């Protein structure tokens, strides 16, 4: 209704591919250096391992290519963010901004 196109993005896929973006940006930045081609990092090639740690997900993933992933491991119970929330609740901290910021403060 707002006339703005929506682009679907897989949240965890985006996290895993950021490493490739950073490597490509570093390689582009080194192209203008006087240090020569040997100092230029090469873009991260498939396959690679990604450790995804966020508030609700902890995954060790083999990234085989765009849209091709194998989950090698995950947490059995709580992700990091959930653990912070539980600790903050136990300590009766203000959870208005989430458990992580509450415990950190």
N, C-alpha and C. Protein backbone atom coordinates (compact mmCIF):
# COMPACT_ATOMS: atom_id res chain seq x y z
N UNK A 1 0.79 -1.19 0.00
CA UNK A 1 0.00 0.00 0.00
C UNK A 1 0.84 1.27 0.00
N UNK A 2 2.05 1.19 0.56
CA UNK A 2 2.90 2.38 0.65
C UNK A 2 3.61 2.67 -0.67
N UNK A 3 3.50 1.76 -1.63
CA UNK A 3 4.15 1.98 -2.91
C UNK A 3 5.66 1.74 -2.88
N UNK A 4 6.13 1.11 -1.83
CA UNK A 4 7.56 0.82 -1.69
C UNK A 4 7.77 -0.66 -1.94
N UNK A 5 8.66 -1.03 -2.86
CA UNK A 5 8.86 -2.46 -3.12
C UNK A 5 9.53 -3.15 -1.94
N UNK A 6 9.10 -4.36 -1.66
CA UNK A 6 9.71 -5.18 -0.62
C UNK A 6 10.67 -6.17 -1.26
N UNK A 7 11.84 -6.28 -0.68
CA UNK A 7 12.83 -7.23 -1.17
C UNK A 7 13.02 -8.29 -0.09
N UNK A 8 12.67 -9.54 -0.38
CA UNK A 8 12.82 -10.57 0.65
C UNK A 8 14.30 -10.86 0.91
N UNK A 9 14.66 -10.93 2.18
CA UNK A 9 16.03 -11.22 2.58
C UNK A 9 16.00 -12.29 3.66
N UNK A 10 16.77 -13.35 3.47
CA UNK A 10 16.89 -14.38 4.49
C UNK A 10 17.88 -13.88 5.53
N UNK A 11 17.40 -13.66 6.75
CA UNK A 11 18.18 -13.03 7.81
C UNK A 11 19.51 -13.73 8.07
N UNK A 12 19.50 -15.04 8.26
CA UNK A 12 20.73 -15.76 8.59
C UNK A 12 21.64 -15.87 7.36
N UNK A 13 21.07 -15.99 6.17
CA UNK A 13 21.87 -16.01 4.95
C UNK A 13 22.63 -14.69 4.80
N UNK A 14 21.97 -13.60 5.09
CA UNK A 14 22.62 -12.29 5.00
C UNK A 14 23.81 -12.21 5.95
N UNK A 15 23.64 -12.71 7.18
CA UNK A 15 24.75 -12.71 8.13
C UNK A 15 25.93 -13.53 7.60
N UNK A 16 25.63 -14.69 7.02
CA UNK A 16 26.72 -15.55 6.56
C UNK A 16 27.46 -14.96 5.36
N UNK A 17 26.78 -14.17 4.54
CA UNK A 17 27.40 -13.63 3.33
C UNK A 17 28.11 -12.29 3.56
N UNK A 18 27.93 -11.69 4.71
CA UNK A 18 28.61 -10.43 4.99
C UNK A 18 30.14 -10.60 4.90
N UNK A 19 30.63 -11.76 5.29
CA UNK A 19 32.08 -12.01 5.22
C UNK A 19 32.59 -11.85 3.79
N UNK A 20 31.82 -12.30 2.82
CA UNK A 20 32.22 -12.14 1.41
C UNK A 20 32.24 -10.68 1.01
N UNK A 21 31.25 -9.91 1.46
CA UNK A 21 31.19 -8.48 1.13
C UNK A 21 32.41 -7.75 1.70
N UNK A 22 32.77 -8.07 2.93
CA UNK A 22 33.91 -7.42 3.57
C UNK A 22 35.21 -7.77 2.86
N UNK A 23 35.36 -9.03 2.46
CA UNK A 23 36.56 -9.44 1.74
C UNK A 23 36.66 -8.74 0.39
N UNK A 24 35.54 -8.63 -0.31
CA UNK A 24 35.55 -7.97 -1.61
C UNK A 24 35.85 -6.47 -1.46
N UNK A 25 35.34 -5.85 -0.42
CA UNK A 25 35.61 -4.44 -0.18
C UNK A 25 37.09 -4.24 0.15
N UNK A 26 37.67 -5.14 0.94
CA UNK A 26 39.09 -5.04 1.28
C UNK A 26 39.95 -5.22 0.04
N UNK A 27 39.57 -6.16 -0.82
CA UNK A 27 40.33 -6.38 -2.06
C UNK A 27 40.27 -5.15 -2.96
N UNK A 28 39.09 -4.53 -3.06
CA UNK A 28 38.94 -3.32 -3.88
C UNK A 28 39.76 -2.17 -3.31
N UNK A 29 39.81 -2.07 -2.00
CA UNK A 29 40.58 -0.99 -1.36
C UNK A 29 42.07 -1.16 -1.61
N UNK A 30 42.54 -2.40 -1.69
CA UNK A 30 43.97 -2.65 -1.90
C UNK A 30 44.40 -2.49 -3.35
N UNK A 31 43.46 -2.44 -4.28
CA UNK A 31 43.82 -2.32 -5.69
C UNK A 31 44.58 -1.04 -5.98
N UNK A 32 44.31 0.01 -5.23
CA UNK A 32 44.98 1.28 -5.45
C UNK A 32 46.28 1.42 -4.69
N UNK A 33 46.61 0.45 -3.84
CA UNK A 33 47.85 0.51 -3.06
C UNK A 33 49.07 0.33 -3.94
N UNK A 34 50.19 0.85 -3.49
CA UNK A 34 51.45 0.67 -4.20
C UNK A 34 52.16 -0.60 -3.77
N UNK A 35 51.54 -1.41 -2.91
CA UNK A 35 52.19 -2.59 -2.37
C UNK A 35 52.20 -3.75 -3.35
N UNK A 36 51.49 -3.68 -4.43
CA UNK A 36 51.47 -4.74 -5.41
C UNK A 36 50.36 -5.74 -5.17
N UNK A 37 50.20 -6.65 -6.12
CA UNK A 37 49.10 -7.61 -6.07
C UNK A 37 49.25 -8.61 -4.94
N UNK A 38 50.47 -8.88 -4.47
CA UNK A 38 50.67 -9.90 -3.44
C UNK A 38 50.04 -9.48 -2.11
N UNK A 39 49.86 -8.19 -1.87
CA UNK A 39 49.28 -7.72 -0.61
C UNK A 39 47.77 -7.69 -0.66
N UNK A 40 47.18 -7.88 -1.83
CA UNK A 40 45.73 -7.77 -1.99
C UNK A 40 45.05 -9.06 -1.54
N UNK A 41 44.10 -8.97 -0.60
CA UNK A 41 43.39 -10.18 -0.19
C UNK A 41 42.46 -10.65 -1.29
N UNK A 42 42.26 -11.97 -1.39
CA UNK A 42 41.35 -12.50 -2.40
C UNK A 42 39.96 -12.64 -1.77
N UNK A 43 38.92 -12.48 -2.59
CA UNK A 43 37.56 -12.62 -2.05
C UNK A 43 37.36 -14.02 -1.45
N UNK A 44 36.56 -14.10 -0.41
CA UNK A 44 36.27 -15.37 0.26
C UNK A 44 35.53 -16.27 -0.71
N UNK A 45 36.11 -17.44 -0.97
CA UNK A 45 35.54 -18.36 -1.95
C UNK A 45 34.65 -19.40 -1.26
N UNK A 46 33.67 -19.89 -1.99
CA UNK A 46 32.86 -21.00 -1.52
C UNK A 46 33.67 -22.28 -1.66
N UNK A 47 33.50 -23.25 -0.84
CA UNK A 47 32.74 -23.27 0.40
C UNK A 47 33.53 -22.65 1.54
N UNK A 48 32.82 -22.18 2.58
CA UNK A 48 33.48 -21.69 3.78
C UNK A 48 32.59 -21.97 4.98
N UNK A 49 33.20 -21.95 6.17
CA UNK A 49 32.45 -22.16 7.41
C UNK A 49 32.02 -20.81 7.96
N UNK A 50 30.82 -20.74 8.50
CA UNK A 50 30.33 -19.53 9.14
C UNK A 50 29.82 -19.89 10.53
N UNK A 51 30.26 -19.13 11.51
CA UNK A 51 29.74 -19.25 12.87
C UNK A 51 28.80 -18.08 13.08
N UNK A 52 27.51 -18.34 13.17
CA UNK A 52 26.50 -17.31 13.30
C UNK A 52 26.02 -17.28 14.74
N UNK A 53 26.33 -16.21 15.44
CA UNK A 53 25.95 -16.06 16.85
C UNK A 53 25.16 -14.77 16.97
N UNK A 54 23.88 -14.89 17.29
CA UNK A 54 23.05 -13.70 17.44
C UNK A 54 22.12 -13.91 18.62
N UNK A 55 21.20 -13.01 18.80
CA UNK A 55 20.30 -13.08 19.94
C UNK A 55 19.49 -14.36 20.00
N UNK A 56 19.03 -14.85 18.87
CA UNK A 56 18.16 -16.01 18.87
C UNK A 56 18.69 -17.22 18.13
N UNK A 57 19.85 -17.09 17.50
CA UNK A 57 20.39 -18.19 16.71
C UNK A 57 21.87 -18.37 17.01
N UNK A 58 22.29 -19.61 17.17
CA UNK A 58 23.71 -19.97 17.22
C UNK A 58 23.87 -21.15 16.27
N UNK A 59 24.58 -20.95 15.18
CA UNK A 59 24.71 -21.99 14.16
C UNK A 59 26.14 -22.07 13.65
N UNK A 60 26.61 -23.28 13.41
CA UNK A 60 27.84 -23.50 12.65
C UNK A 60 27.38 -24.04 11.30
N UNK A 61 27.68 -23.30 10.24
CA UNK A 61 27.12 -23.60 8.93
C UNK A 61 28.23 -23.75 7.89
N UNK A 62 28.10 -24.77 7.04
CA UNK A 62 28.95 -24.89 5.87
C UNK A 62 28.23 -24.17 4.74
N UNK A 63 28.81 -23.07 4.27
CA UNK A 63 28.21 -22.28 3.19
C UNK A 63 28.80 -22.79 1.89
N UNK A 64 28.01 -23.54 1.15
CA UNK A 64 28.49 -24.16 -0.09
C UNK A 64 28.36 -23.25 -1.29
N UNK A 65 27.43 -22.32 -1.24
CA UNK A 65 27.17 -21.39 -2.33
C UNK A 65 25.94 -20.57 -1.98
N UNK A 66 25.56 -19.67 -2.87
CA UNK A 66 24.36 -18.86 -2.63
C UNK A 66 23.14 -19.77 -2.53
N UNK A 67 22.46 -19.72 -1.39
CA UNK A 67 21.28 -20.54 -1.19
C UNK A 67 21.57 -21.99 -0.85
N UNK A 68 22.83 -22.35 -0.67
CA UNK A 68 23.19 -23.74 -0.39
C UNK A 68 23.98 -23.81 0.92
N UNK A 69 23.33 -24.32 1.97
CA UNK A 69 23.92 -24.33 3.31
C UNK A 69 23.68 -25.66 3.99
N UNK A 70 24.64 -26.09 4.80
CA UNK A 70 24.46 -27.26 5.66
C UNK A 70 24.70 -26.83 7.09
N UNK A 71 23.72 -27.03 7.94
CA UNK A 71 23.89 -26.73 9.37
C UNK A 71 24.68 -27.88 9.98
N UNK A 72 25.87 -27.56 10.48
CA UNK A 72 26.73 -28.58 11.08
C UNK A 72 26.50 -28.69 12.58
N UNK A 73 26.04 -27.61 13.19
CA UNK A 73 25.77 -27.64 14.62
C UNK A 73 24.96 -26.44 15.04
N UNK A 74 24.27 -26.60 16.15
CA UNK A 74 23.48 -25.52 16.71
C UNK A 74 23.35 -25.74 18.21
N UNK A 75 22.89 -24.75 18.92
CA UNK A 75 22.70 -24.92 20.36
C UNK A 75 21.50 -25.83 20.61
N UNK A 76 21.55 -26.52 21.73
CA UNK A 76 20.46 -27.43 22.08
C UNK A 76 19.34 -26.72 22.82
N UNK A 77 19.69 -25.62 23.50
CA UNK A 77 18.64 -24.94 24.26
C UNK A 77 18.63 -23.45 23.97
N UNK A 78 19.48 -22.68 24.63
CA UNK A 78 19.42 -21.22 24.53
C UNK A 78 20.49 -20.66 23.61
N UNK A 79 20.09 -19.63 22.87
CA UNK A 79 21.06 -18.82 22.14
C UNK A 79 21.57 -17.76 23.10
N UNK A 80 22.57 -17.02 22.69
CA UNK A 80 23.20 -16.03 23.57
C UNK A 80 22.20 -15.00 24.09
N UNK A 81 21.38 -14.45 23.21
CA UNK A 81 20.42 -13.44 23.62
C UNK A 81 19.41 -13.96 24.63
N UNK A 82 18.98 -15.21 24.43
CA UNK A 82 18.03 -15.81 25.38
C UNK A 82 18.67 -16.00 26.75
N UNK A 83 19.94 -16.37 26.77
CA UNK A 83 20.65 -16.53 28.05
C UNK A 83 20.76 -15.19 28.77
N UNK A 84 21.06 -14.12 28.04
CA UNK A 84 21.11 -12.79 28.65
C UNK A 84 19.75 -12.40 29.22
N UNK A 85 18.68 -12.70 28.48
CA UNK A 85 17.33 -12.38 28.97
C UNK A 85 17.03 -13.10 30.27
N UNK A 86 17.40 -14.39 30.35
CA UNK A 86 17.15 -15.17 31.57
C UNK A 86 17.93 -14.62 32.76
N UNK A 87 19.19 -14.25 32.54
CA UNK A 87 20.01 -13.70 33.62
C UNK A 87 19.43 -12.37 34.09
N UNK A 88 19.04 -11.52 33.15
CA UNK A 88 18.47 -10.21 33.51
C UNK A 88 17.18 -10.38 34.30
N UNK A 89 16.34 -11.35 33.89
CA UNK A 89 15.10 -11.62 34.62
C UNK A 89 15.40 -12.11 36.03
N UNK A 90 16.37 -13.01 36.15
CA UNK A 90 16.77 -13.56 37.44
C UNK A 90 17.26 -12.46 38.38
N UNK A 91 18.00 -11.49 37.82
CA UNK A 91 18.54 -10.38 38.61
C UNK A 91 17.54 -9.23 38.76
N UNK A 92 16.35 -9.42 38.18
CA UNK A 92 15.28 -8.40 38.24
C UNK A 92 15.74 -7.05 37.66
N UNK A 93 16.44 -7.12 36.52
CA UNK A 93 16.92 -5.91 35.84
C UNK A 93 15.83 -5.40 34.89
N UNK A 94 15.97 -4.17 34.46
CA UNK A 94 15.04 -3.55 33.52
C UNK A 94 15.24 -4.19 32.14
N UNK A 95 14.22 -4.86 31.64
CA UNK A 95 14.29 -5.56 30.35
C UNK A 95 13.75 -4.73 29.19
N UNK A 96 13.51 -3.45 29.39
CA UNK A 96 12.89 -2.62 28.33
C UNK A 96 13.74 -2.57 27.07
N UNK A 97 15.06 -2.66 27.20
CA UNK A 97 15.94 -2.66 26.02
C UNK A 97 16.52 -4.04 25.74
N UNK A 98 16.08 -5.06 26.46
CA UNK A 98 16.58 -6.41 26.28
C UNK A 98 17.55 -6.80 27.37
N UNK A 99 17.77 -8.10 27.51
CA UNK A 99 18.63 -8.61 28.56
C UNK A 99 20.09 -8.27 28.40
N UNK A 100 20.60 -8.25 27.17
CA UNK A 100 22.01 -7.94 26.93
C UNK A 100 22.40 -6.58 27.45
N UNK A 101 21.73 -5.53 27.01
CA UNK A 101 22.06 -4.19 27.52
C UNK A 101 21.86 -4.05 29.03
N UNK A 102 20.84 -4.75 29.58
CA UNK A 102 20.59 -4.67 31.02
C UNK A 102 21.75 -5.28 31.82
N UNK A 103 22.23 -6.44 31.39
CA UNK A 103 23.35 -7.11 32.08
C UNK A 103 24.62 -6.31 31.89
N UNK A 104 24.82 -5.78 30.70
CA UNK A 104 26.03 -5.01 30.41
C UNK A 104 26.13 -3.75 31.26
N UNK A 105 24.98 -3.09 31.51
CA UNK A 105 24.96 -1.85 32.28
C UNK A 105 25.33 -2.16 33.71
